[in-house]
Amino acid sequence: MTAPRKSRTFKSGNSVALRLPKSLGIEAGVEMTVREEKGRFIVEPVDAKRKIDVSKFWGKAPWLVVPPREDFDDPPRAWDAPGWPDYSKPE
């Protein structure tokens, strides 16, 4: 644990801000959470971005129906034109 450092709050727009000393090693732009516990304020960096696991969503809304592929436009592509090599067939 590092030694305590003093800092002073200041007005920033309609908010009150706290300037953190550079010696703490906190980069500019880091998102932080602030909470109050027993009259003390605790400032911590927000956890890294959490990824959502969507693998268990299937079947949760059985009334939803996947639309058939005919509903989507399938425009012609340049590589479908004659003269383009067909790599899907073995030589």
C-alpha atoms as a PDB file:
ATOM      1  CA  MET A   1       0.000   0.000   0.000  1.00  0.00           C
ATOM      2  CA  THR A   2       1.322   3.424  -0.897  1.00  0.00           C
ATOM      3  CA  ALA A   3       1.506   6.436   1.373  1.00  0.00           C
ATOM      4  CA  PRO A   4      -1.611   8.643   1.492  1.00  0.00           C
ATOM      5  CA  ARG A   5      -1.597  11.691  -0.783  1.00  0.00           C
ATOM      6  CA  LYS A   6      -3.618  14.853  -0.310  1.00  0.00           C
ATOM      7  CA  SER A   7      -5.750  16.274  -3.060  1.00  0.00           C
ATOM      8  CA  ARG A   8      -8.409  18.961  -3.268  1.00  0.00           C
ATOM      9  CA  THR A   9     -11.789  18.911  -4.951  1.00  0.00           C
ATOM     10  CA  PHE A  10     -12.720  21.571  -7.489  1.00  0.00           C
ATOM     11  CA  LYS A  11     -15.776  22.629  -9.440  1.00  0.00           C
ATOM     12  CA  SER A  12     -15.991  21.330 -13.012  1.00  0.00           C
ATOM     13  CA  GLY A  13     -19.177  22.522 -14.713  1.00  0.00           C
ATOM     14  CA  ASN A  14     -22.047  21.446 -12.459  1.00  0.00           C
ATOM     15  CA  SER A  15     -19.974  18.689 -10.860  1.00  0.00           C
ATOM     16  CA  VAL A  16     -17.322  18.427  -8.184  1.00  0.00           C
ATOM     17  CA  ALA A  17     -14.118  16.782  -9.396  1.00  0.00           C
ATOM     18  CA  LEU A  18     -11.103  15.287  -7.662  1.00  0.00           C
ATOM     19  CA  ARG A  19      -7.676  15.647  -9.231  1.00  0.00           C
ATOM     20  CA  LEU A  20      -5.570  12.510  -8.744  1.00  0.00           C
ATOM     21  CA  PRO A  21      -1.783  12.872  -8.540  1.00  0.00           C
ATOM     22  CA  LYS A  22       0.177  11.589 -11.549  1.00  0.00           C
ATOM     23  CA  SER A  23       2.368   9.580  -9.187  1.00  0.00           C
ATOM     24  CA  LEU A  24      -0.536   7.149  -8.699  1.00  0.00           C
ATOM     25  CA  GLY A  25       0.041   5.944 -12.257  1.00  0.00           C
ATOM     26  CA  ILE A  26      -3.568   6.316 -13.406  1.00  0.00           C
ATOM     27  CA  GLU A  27      -3.836   7.109 -17.118  1.00  0.00           C
ATOM     28  CA  ALA A  28      -6.102   9.907 -18.342  1.00  0.00           C
ATOM     29  CA  GLY A  29      -9.507   8.735 -19.574  1.00  0.00           C
ATOM     30  CA  VAL A  30      -9.763   5.660 -17.319  1.00  0.00           C
ATOM     31  CA  GLU A  31     -13.382   5.010 -16.345  1.00  0.00           C
ATOM     32  CA  MET A  32     -13.759   4.817 -12.568  1.00  0.00           C
ATOM     33  CA  THR A  33     -16.528   3.884 -10.163  1.00  0.00           C
ATOM     34  CA  VAL A  34     -17.100   5.818  -6.945  1.00  0.00           C
ATOM     35  CA  ARG A  35     -19.014   4.447  -3.988  1.00  0.00           C
ATOM     36  CA  GLU A  36     -19.544   5.475  -0.408  1.00  0.00           C
ATOM     37  CA  GLU A  37     -18.908   3.022   2.411  1.00  0.00           C
ATOM     38  CA  LYS A  38     -19.373   4.099   6.018  1.00  0.00           C
ATOM     39  CA  GLY A  39     -18.717   7.761   5.225  1.00  0.00           C
ATOM     40  CA  ARG A  40     -15.635   7.067   3.037  1.00  0.00           C
ATOM     41  CA  PHE A  41     -15.461   7.355  -0.732  1.00  0.00           C
ATOM     42  CA  ILE A  42     -13.837   4.484  -2.616  1.00  0.00           C
ATOM     43  CA  VAL A  43     -12.648   5.126  -6.184  1.00  0.00           C
ATOM     44  CA  GLU A  44     -11.820   2.075  -8.329  1.00  0.00           C
ATOM     45  CA  PRO A  45     -11.249   1.475 -12.032  1.00  0.00           C
ATOM     46  CA  VAL A  46     -14.166  -0.140 -13.842  1.00  0.00           C
ATOM     47  CA  ASP A  47     -13.656  -3.804 -14.703  1.00  0.00           C
ATOM     48  CA  ALA A  48     -12.515  -4.594 -18.237  1.00  0.00           C
ATOM     49  CA  LYS A  49     -15.291  -4.767 -20.820  1.00  0.00           C
ATOM     50  CA  ARG A  50     -17.304  -7.878 -20.195  1.00  0.00           C
ATOM     51  CA  LYS A  51     -18.260 -10.063 -23.108  1.00  0.00           C
ATOM     52  CA  ILE A  52     -21.801 -11.379 -23.201  1.00  0.00           C
ATOM     53  CA  ASP A  53     -22.178 -15.124 -23.691  1.00  0.00           C
ATOM     54  CA  VAL A  54     -25.096 -15.492 -26.113  1.00  0.00           C
ATOM     55  CA  SER A  55     -24.734 -19.252 -26.478  1.00  0.00           C
ATOM     56  CA  LYS A  56     -27.557 -19.892 -23.987  1.00  0.00           C
ATOM     57  CA  PHE A  57     -30.039 -17.508 -25.634  1.00  0.00           C
ATOM     58  CA  TRP A  58     -31.259 -20.099 -28.130  1.00  0.00           C
ATOM     59  CA  GLY A  59     -34.699 -21.362 -27.119  1.00  0.00           C
ATOM     60  CA  LYS A  60     -35.388 -18.559 -24.618  1.00  0.00           C
ATOM     61  CA  ALA A  61     -37.930 -16.944 -26.978  1.00  0.00           C
ATOM     62  CA  PRO A  62     -39.601 -19.815 -28.843  1.00  0.00           C
ATOM     63  CA  TRP A  63     -42.194 -17.450 -30.351  1.00  0.00           C
ATOM     64  CA  LEU A  64     -39.479 -15.761 -32.430  1.00  0.00           C
ATOM     65  CA  VAL A  65     -39.088 -17.227 -35.893  1.00  0.00           C
ATOM     66  CA  VAL A  66     -36.016 -16.938 -38.079  1.00  0.00           C
ATOM     67  CA  PRO A  67     -37.106 -15.452 -41.419  1.00  0.00           C
ATOM     68  CA  PRO A  68     -36.498 -17.591 -44.504  1.00  0.00           C
ATOM     69  CA  ARG A  69     -33.533 -16.668 -46.706  1.00  0.00           C
ATOM     70  CA  GLU A  70     -35.841 -15.720 -49.624  1.00  0.00           C
ATOM     71  CA  ASP A  71     -36.638 -12.500 -47.724  1.00  0.00           C
ATOM     72  CA  PHE A  72     -33.085 -11.281 -48.262  1.00  0.00           C
ATOM     73  CA  ASP A  73     -31.732  -9.738 -51.427  1.00  0.00           C
ATOM     74  CA  ASP A  74     -29.012 -11.760 -53.130  1.00  0.00           C
ATOM     75  CA  PRO A  75     -27.534  -9.435 -55.758  1.00  0.00           C
ATOM     76  CA  PRO A  76     -25.229 -10.812 -58.449  1.00  0.00           C
ATOM     77  CA  ARG A  77     -21.523 -10.656 -57.611  1.00  0.00           C
ATOM     78  CA  ALA A  78     -18.609  -9.933 -59.890  1.00  0.00           C
ATOM     79  CA  TRP A  79     -16.984 -13.294 -59.133  1.00  0.00           C
ATOM     80  CA  ASP A  80     -20.150 -15.113 -60.254  1.00  0.00           C
ATOM     81  CA  ALA A  81     -19.661 -13.707 -63.762  1.00  0.00           C
ATOM     82  CA  PRO A  82     -18.074 -15.860 -66.496  1.00  0.00           C
ATOM     83  CA  GLY A  83     -14.295 -15.741 -66.592  1.00  0.00           C
ATOM     84  CA  TRP A  84     -13.698 -15.875 -62.844  1.00  0.00           C
ATOM     85  CA  PRO A  85     -11.987 -19.072 -61.614  1.00  0.00           C
ATOM     86  CA  ASP A  86     -14.123 -21.493 -59.600  1.00  0.00           C
ATOM     87  CA  TYR A  87     -12.035 -22.447 -56.571  1.00  0.00           C
ATOM     88  CA  SER A  88     -14.804 -24.528 -55.029  1.00  0.00           C
ATOM     89  CA  LYS A  89     -14.115 -27.398 -57.453  1.00  0.00           C
ATOM     90  CA  PRO A  90     -10.927 -29.470 -57.061  1.00  0.00           C
ATOM     91  CA  GLU A  91      -8.637 -29.558 -60.078  1.00  0.00           C
END
